[in-house]
Amino acid sequence: MDSTTNIQELKDKIKKFCEERDWNQFHNAKDLAIGIITESSELLEHFRFKSENEVEEILNSDKRKEVTEELADIMFFVLRLAQRYDIDLSTELEEKIKKSAEKYPIEKAKGTNKKYNEL
């Protein structure tokens, strides 16, 4: 579905879902930002103190569903915040990538950690 769904469709679906439940009263910018952090923390719980191999095992086991549900929760709050406050996520992401490309040019960023000291 990722390849056939656009961000506006998701924002519209979330808007309808929340308005049907009268959740606008609970979804101000502060509370939505808190939701992003809370759900992000729940995602982190799955990986905290785990080795790279243990993380791979989680993502290739029955626990994967728990991880994907946390990602969906985070996405819900991000999209809801963007929907409520008319933020164009595609444009903002494009601008962020351009800024990051300038800040971290390939020739300095790619490769060893040693190059990061030059940035």
N, C-alpha and C. Protein backbone atom coordinates (compact mmCIF):
# COMPACT_ATOMS: atom_id res chain seq x y z
N MET A 1 0.80 -1.20 0.00
CA MET A 1 0.00 0.00 0.00
C MET A 1 0.85 1.27 0.00
N ASP A 2 2.07 1.20 0.52
CA ASP A 2 2.92 2.39 0.53
C ASP A 2 3.09 2.97 -0.87
N SER A 3 3.19 2.09 -1.86
CA SER A 3 3.44 2.58 -3.21
C SER A 3 2.20 3.19 -3.87
N THR A 4 1.04 3.01 -3.27
CA THR A 4 -0.18 3.54 -3.88
C THR A 4 -0.91 4.56 -3.01
N THR A 5 -0.41 4.83 -1.82
CA THR A 5 -1.07 5.76 -0.90
C THR A 5 -0.25 7.02 -0.79
N ASN A 6 -0.91 8.17 -0.83
CA ASN A 6 -0.17 9.41 -0.65
C ASN A 6 -0.44 10.00 0.73
N ILE A 7 0.41 10.92 1.12
CA ILE A 7 0.34 11.49 2.45
C ILE A 7 -0.99 12.19 2.70
N GLN A 8 -1.49 12.90 1.71
CA GLN A 8 -2.77 13.61 1.90
C GLN A 8 -3.91 12.63 2.17
N GLU A 9 -3.90 11.50 1.49
CA GLU A 9 -4.94 10.49 1.75
C GLU A 9 -4.88 10.01 3.19
N LEU A 10 -3.68 9.79 3.69
CA LEU A 10 -3.53 9.36 5.09
C LEU A 10 -3.99 10.44 6.05
N LYS A 11 -3.62 11.68 5.77
CA LYS A 11 -4.05 12.78 6.63
C LYS A 11 -5.57 12.90 6.63
N ASP A 12 -6.19 12.74 5.48
CA ASP A 12 -7.65 12.81 5.38
C ASP A 12 -8.31 11.67 6.16
N LYS A 13 -7.74 10.47 6.08
CA LYS A 13 -8.28 9.32 6.79
C LYS A 13 -8.19 9.54 8.30
N ILE A 14 -7.06 10.05 8.75
CA ILE A 14 -6.87 10.33 10.18
C ILE A 14 -7.82 11.44 10.64
N LYS A 15 -7.97 12.46 9.82
CA LYS A 15 -8.89 13.56 10.17
C LYS A 15 -10.30 13.02 10.37
N LYS A 16 -10.77 12.23 9.43
CA LYS A 16 -12.12 11.66 9.52
C LYS A 16 -12.25 10.79 10.78
N PHE A 17 -11.28 9.93 11.00
CA PHE A 17 -11.29 9.05 12.16
C PHE A 17 -11.38 9.85 13.46
N CYS A 18 -10.57 10.89 13.58
CA CYS A 18 -10.53 11.68 14.81
C CYS A 18 -11.77 12.55 14.97
N GLU A 19 -12.26 13.13 13.89
CA GLU A 19 -13.46 13.97 13.98
C GLU A 19 -14.68 13.15 14.34
N GLU A 20 -14.76 11.92 13.85
CA GLU A 20 -15.89 11.05 14.21
C GLU A 20 -15.92 10.76 15.71
N ARG A 21 -14.76 10.85 16.34
CA ARG A 21 -14.65 10.57 17.78
C ARG A 21 -14.53 11.83 18.62
N ASP A 22 -14.64 13.00 17.97
CA ASP A 22 -14.54 14.29 18.64
C ASP A 22 -13.21 14.45 19.40
N TRP A 23 -12.13 14.03 18.75
CA TRP A 23 -10.82 14.07 19.39
C TRP A 23 -10.07 15.38 19.17
N ASN A 24 -10.63 16.30 18.39
CA ASN A 24 -9.94 17.59 18.22
C ASN A 24 -9.67 18.25 19.56
N GLN A 25 -10.56 18.05 20.50
CA GLN A 25 -10.40 18.66 21.83
C GLN A 25 -9.15 18.15 22.54
N PHE A 26 -8.65 17.00 22.17
CA PHE A 26 -7.47 16.41 22.81
C PHE A 26 -6.20 16.57 21.98
N HIS A 27 -6.36 17.01 20.74
CA HIS A 27 -5.25 16.98 19.80
C HIS A 27 -4.71 18.37 19.47
N ASN A 28 -4.21 19.05 20.49
CA ASN A 28 -3.49 20.30 20.22
C ASN A 28 -2.03 19.95 19.94
N ALA A 29 -1.26 20.92 19.51
CA ALA A 29 0.12 20.66 19.10
C ALA A 29 0.94 20.04 20.23
N LYS A 30 0.78 20.57 21.44
CA LYS A 30 1.55 20.04 22.58
C LYS A 30 1.22 18.57 22.83
N ASP A 31 -0.04 18.24 22.88
CA ASP A 31 -0.43 16.87 23.19
C ASP A 31 -0.07 15.90 22.06
N LEU A 32 -0.14 16.36 20.84
CA LEU A 32 0.28 15.52 19.72
C LEU A 32 1.79 15.29 19.75
N ALA A 33 2.56 16.32 20.09
CA ALA A 33 4.01 16.17 20.22
C ALA A 33 4.33 15.19 21.35
N ILE A 34 3.60 15.28 22.45
CA ILE A 34 3.78 14.33 23.55
C ILE A 34 3.48 12.91 23.06
N GLY A 35 2.45 12.78 22.25
CA GLY A 35 2.11 11.46 21.70
C GLY A 35 3.24 10.90 20.84
N ILE A 36 3.87 11.75 20.05
CA ILE A 36 5.00 11.31 19.22
C ILE A 36 6.12 10.77 20.10
N ILE A 37 6.46 11.53 21.14
CA ILE A 37 7.54 11.11 22.04
C ILE A 37 7.17 9.85 22.81
N THR A 38 5.95 9.78 23.30
CA THR A 38 5.51 8.61 24.05
C THR A 38 5.59 7.35 23.20
N GLU A 39 5.06 7.44 22.00
CA GLU A 39 5.07 6.27 21.11
C GLU A 39 6.49 5.95 20.66
N SER A 40 7.32 6.96 20.47
CA SER A 40 8.72 6.72 20.12
C SER A 40 9.44 5.99 21.24
N SER A 41 9.14 6.34 22.46
CA SER A 41 9.72 5.65 23.61
C SER A 41 9.28 4.19 23.66
N GLU A 42 8.04 3.95 23.32
CA GLU A 42 7.55 2.57 23.29
C GLU A 42 8.25 1.77 22.21
N LEU A 43 8.55 2.41 21.08
CA LEU A 43 9.34 1.74 20.03
C LEU A 43 10.74 1.43 20.54
N LEU A 44 11.35 2.38 21.20
CA LEU A 44 12.70 2.22 21.71
C LEU A 44 12.80 1.06 22.70
N GLU A 45 11.77 0.83 23.46
CA GLU A 45 11.78 -0.27 24.44
C GLU A 45 12.12 -1.61 23.79
N HIS A 46 11.72 -1.79 22.55
CA HIS A 46 11.98 -3.06 21.86
C HIS A 46 13.46 -3.25 21.55
N PHE A 47 14.21 -2.15 21.47
CA PHE A 47 15.60 -2.21 21.02
C PHE A 47 16.62 -1.88 22.10
N ARG A 48 16.16 -1.32 23.19
CA ARG A 48 17.06 -0.87 24.24
C ARG A 48 17.91 -2.02 24.76
N PHE A 49 19.20 -1.78 24.84
CA PHE A 49 20.19 -2.74 25.34
C PHE A 49 20.29 -4.00 24.49
N LYS A 50 19.87 -3.93 23.26
CA LYS A 50 19.95 -5.08 22.37
C LYS A 50 21.14 -4.91 21.42
N SER A 51 21.78 -6.01 21.09
CA SER A 51 22.85 -5.99 20.10
C SER A 51 22.23 -5.91 18.71
N GLU A 52 23.06 -5.66 17.72
CA GLU A 52 22.56 -5.60 16.34
C GLU A 52 21.92 -6.94 15.95
N ASN A 53 22.52 -8.04 16.37
CA ASN A 53 21.96 -9.36 16.07
C ASN A 53 20.62 -9.57 16.76
N GLU A 54 20.50 -9.13 17.99
CA GLU A 54 19.24 -9.26 18.71
C GLU A 54 18.14 -8.43 18.06
N VAL A 55 18.50 -7.25 17.57
CA VAL A 55 17.53 -6.41 16.87
C VAL A 55 17.06 -7.11 15.60
N GLU A 56 17.99 -7.69 14.86
CA GLU A 56 17.61 -8.43 13.65
C GLU A 56 16.67 -9.58 13.99
N GLU A 57 16.95 -10.27 15.09
CA GLU A 57 16.07 -11.37 15.51
C GLU A 57 14.66 -10.85 15.81
N ILE A 58 14.57 -9.71 16.48
CA ILE A 58 13.27 -9.12 16.80
C ILE A 58 12.50 -8.83 15.52
N LEU A 59 13.20 -8.24 14.56
CA LEU A 59 12.53 -7.83 13.31
C LEU A 59 12.19 -9.00 12.40
N ASN A 60 12.73 -10.17 12.73
CA ASN A 60 12.43 -11.37 11.95
C ASN A 60 11.69 -12.41 12.78
N SER A 61 10.98 -11.96 13.79
CA SER A 61 10.24 -12.87 14.66
C SER A 61 8.80 -12.37 14.84
N ASP A 62 8.09 -13.03 15.73
CA ASP A 62 6.72 -12.64 16.04
C ASP A 62 6.66 -11.24 16.65
N LYS A 63 7.76 -10.78 17.23
CA LYS A 63 7.80 -9.46 17.86
C LYS A 63 7.79 -8.33 16.82
N ARG A 64 8.04 -8.65 15.58
CA ARG A 64 8.03 -7.64 14.52
C ARG A 64 6.72 -6.86 14.52
N LYS A 65 5.61 -7.54 14.74
CA LYS A 65 4.30 -6.90 14.72
C LYS A 65 4.21 -5.82 15.79
N GLU A 66 4.78 -6.07 16.95
CA GLU A 66 4.78 -5.05 18.01
C GLU A 66 5.56 -3.81 17.57
N VAL A 67 6.67 -4.03 16.89
CA VAL A 67 7.48 -2.92 16.40
C VAL A 67 6.72 -2.14 15.34
N THR A 68 6.09 -2.83 14.41
CA THR A 68 5.37 -2.13 13.34
C THR A 68 4.17 -1.38 13.88
N GLU A 69 3.55 -1.90 14.92
CA GLU A 69 2.43 -1.18 15.53
C GLU A 69 2.91 0.11 16.19
N GLU A 70 4.07 0.09 16.81
CA GLU A 70 4.62 1.32 17.40
C GLU A 70 4.96 2.33 16.31
N LEU A 71 5.52 1.86 15.21
CA LEU A 71 5.80 2.76 14.09
C LEU A 71 4.51 3.40 13.57
N ALA A 72 3.46 2.60 13.48
CA ALA A 72 2.17 3.12 13.02
C ALA A 72 1.63 4.16 14.00
N ASP A 73 1.81 3.91 15.30
CA ASP A 73 1.36 4.88 16.30
C ASP A 73 2.11 6.21 16.14
N ILE A 74 3.41 6.13 15.92
CA ILE A 74 4.21 7.34 15.72
C ILE A 74 3.74 8.07 14.47
N MET A 75 3.55 7.32 13.40
CA MET A 75 3.09 7.92 12.15
C MET A 75 1.73 8.59 12.31
N PHE A 76 0.85 7.93 13.07
CA PHE A 76 -0.46 8.51 13.33
C PHE A 76 -0.31 9.91 13.93
N PHE A 77 0.50 10.03 14.99
CA PHE A 77 0.65 11.32 15.66
C PHE A 77 1.35 12.35 14.77
N VAL A 78 2.33 11.92 13.99
CA VAL A 78 3.00 12.84 13.07
C VAL A 78 2.01 13.35 12.03
N LEU A 79 1.28 12.45 11.43
CA LEU A 79 0.31 12.85 10.41
C LEU A 79 -0.81 13.70 11.01
N ARG A 80 -1.24 13.36 12.19
CA ARG A 80 -2.31 14.13 12.84
C ARG A 80 -1.85 15.55 13.15
N LEU A 81 -0.63 15.70 13.63
CA LEU A 81 -0.09 17.03 13.89
C LEU A 81 0.01 17.82 12.59
N ALA A 82 0.49 17.18 11.56
CA ALA A 82 0.59 17.86 10.26
C ALA A 82 -0.79 18.22 9.71
N GLN A 83 -1.73 17.33 9.88
CA GLN A 83 -3.10 17.58 9.40
C GLN A 83 -3.74 18.72 10.16
N ARG A 84 -3.62 18.71 11.48
CA ARG A 84 -4.27 19.73 12.31
C ARG A 84 -3.69 21.12 12.06
N TYR A 85 -2.41 21.21 11.73
CA TYR A 85 -1.75 22.51 11.62
C TYR A 85 -1.26 22.80 10.21
N ASP A 86 -1.86 22.12 9.25
CA ASP A 86 -1.63 22.39 7.82
C ASP A 86 -0.13 22.44 7.48
N ILE A 87 0.56 21.37 7.83
CA ILE A 87 1.98 21.24 7.52
C ILE A 87 2.12 20.29 6.34
N ASP A 88 2.79 20.74 5.31
CA ASP A 88 3.03 19.93 4.12
C ASP A 88 4.28 19.09 4.36
N LEU A 89 4.09 17.86 4.78
CA LEU A 89 5.21 17.00 5.14
C LEU A 89 6.14 16.70 3.97
N SER A 90 5.60 16.53 2.79
CA SER A 90 6.44 16.23 1.62
C SER A 90 7.39 17.38 1.34
N THR A 91 6.87 18.59 1.36
CA THR A 91 7.70 19.78 1.13
C THR A 91 8.74 19.93 2.23
N GLU A 92 8.32 19.76 3.47
CA GLU A 92 9.24 19.91 4.60
C GLU A 92 10.35 18.86 4.56
N LEU A 93 10.00 17.63 4.18
CA LEU A 93 11.01 16.59 4.09
C LEU A 93 12.00 16.88 2.97
N GLU A 94 11.49 17.32 1.83
CA GLU A 94 12.38 17.68 0.72
C GLU A 94 13.36 18.78 1.14
N GLU A 95 12.86 19.80 1.81
CA GLU A 95 13.73 20.90 2.27
C GLU A 95 14.75 20.40 3.28
N LYS A 96 14.34 19.50 4.17
CA LYS A 96 15.25 18.95 5.18
C LYS A 96 16.35 18.12 4.52
N ILE A 97 16.00 17.35 3.53
CA ILE A 97 17.00 16.54 2.82
C ILE A 97 18.00 17.45 2.11
N LYS A 98 17.53 18.53 1.50
CA LYS A 98 18.44 19.48 0.84
C LYS A 98 19.40 20.10 1.85
N LYS A 99 18.89 20.52 3.00
CA LYS A 99 19.74 21.10 4.04
C LYS A 99 20.76 20.08 4.54
N SER A 100 20.31 18.86 4.73
CA SER A 100 21.21 17.81 5.21
C SER A 100 22.27 17.47 4.17
N ALA A 101 21.90 17.51 2.90
CA ALA A 101 22.88 17.25 1.83
C ALA A 101 23.98 18.32 1.82
N GLU A 102 23.59 19.56 2.10
CA GLU A 102 24.59 20.63 2.18
C GLU A 102 25.46 20.48 3.42
N LYS A 103 24.83 20.14 4.52
CA LYS A 103 25.56 20.00 5.79
C LYS A 103 26.44 18.76 5.80
N TYR A 104 26.01 17.69 5.16
CA TYR A 104 26.73 16.43 5.13
C TYR A 104 26.98 15.99 3.70
N PRO A 105 27.89 16.65 2.98
CA PRO A 105 28.17 16.25 1.59
C PRO A 105 28.71 14.82 1.55
N ILE A 106 28.41 14.12 0.49
CA ILE A 106 28.77 12.70 0.37
C ILE A 106 30.25 12.48 0.61
N GLU A 107 31.08 13.33 0.01
CA GLU A 107 32.52 13.12 0.12
C GLU A 107 33.05 13.23 1.55
N LYS A 108 32.32 13.91 2.41
CA LYS A 108 32.73 14.00 3.82
C LYS A 108 31.97 13.03 4.71
N ALA A 109 30.74 12.74 4.36
CA ALA A 109 29.89 11.94 5.24
C ALA A 109 30.02 10.43 5.00
N LYS A 110 30.31 10.03 3.79
CA LYS A 110 30.34 8.60 3.47
C LYS A 110 31.65 7.98 3.93
N GLY A 111 31.52 6.86 4.61
CA GLY A 111 32.72 6.14 5.03
C GLY A 111 32.90 6.10 6.52
N THR A 112 34.11 6.33 6.96
CA THR A 112 34.44 6.15 8.37
C THR A 112 33.95 7.29 9.23
N ASN A 113 33.85 7.01 10.52
CA ASN A 113 33.43 8.03 11.49
C ASN A 113 34.42 9.16 11.58
N LYS A 114 35.66 8.92 11.26
CA LYS A 114 36.70 9.93 11.35
C LYS A 114 36.35 11.18 10.54
N LYS A 115 35.71 10.99 9.39
CA LYS A 115 35.35 12.12 8.54
C LYS A 115 34.34 13.04 9.19
N TYR A 116 33.53 12.52 10.13
CA TYR A 116 32.52 13.34 10.78
C TYR A 116 33.14 14.46 11.60
N ASN A 117 34.34 14.29 12.04
CA ASN A 117 35.01 15.36 12.79
C ASN A 117 35.28 16.56 11.91
N GLU A 118 35.32 16.35 10.60
CA GLU A 118 35.56 17.46 9.66
C GLU A 118 34.30 18.25 9.37
N LEU A 119 33.16 17.72 9.69
CA LEU A 119 31.88 18.39 9.35
C LEU A 119 31.60 19.57 10.25
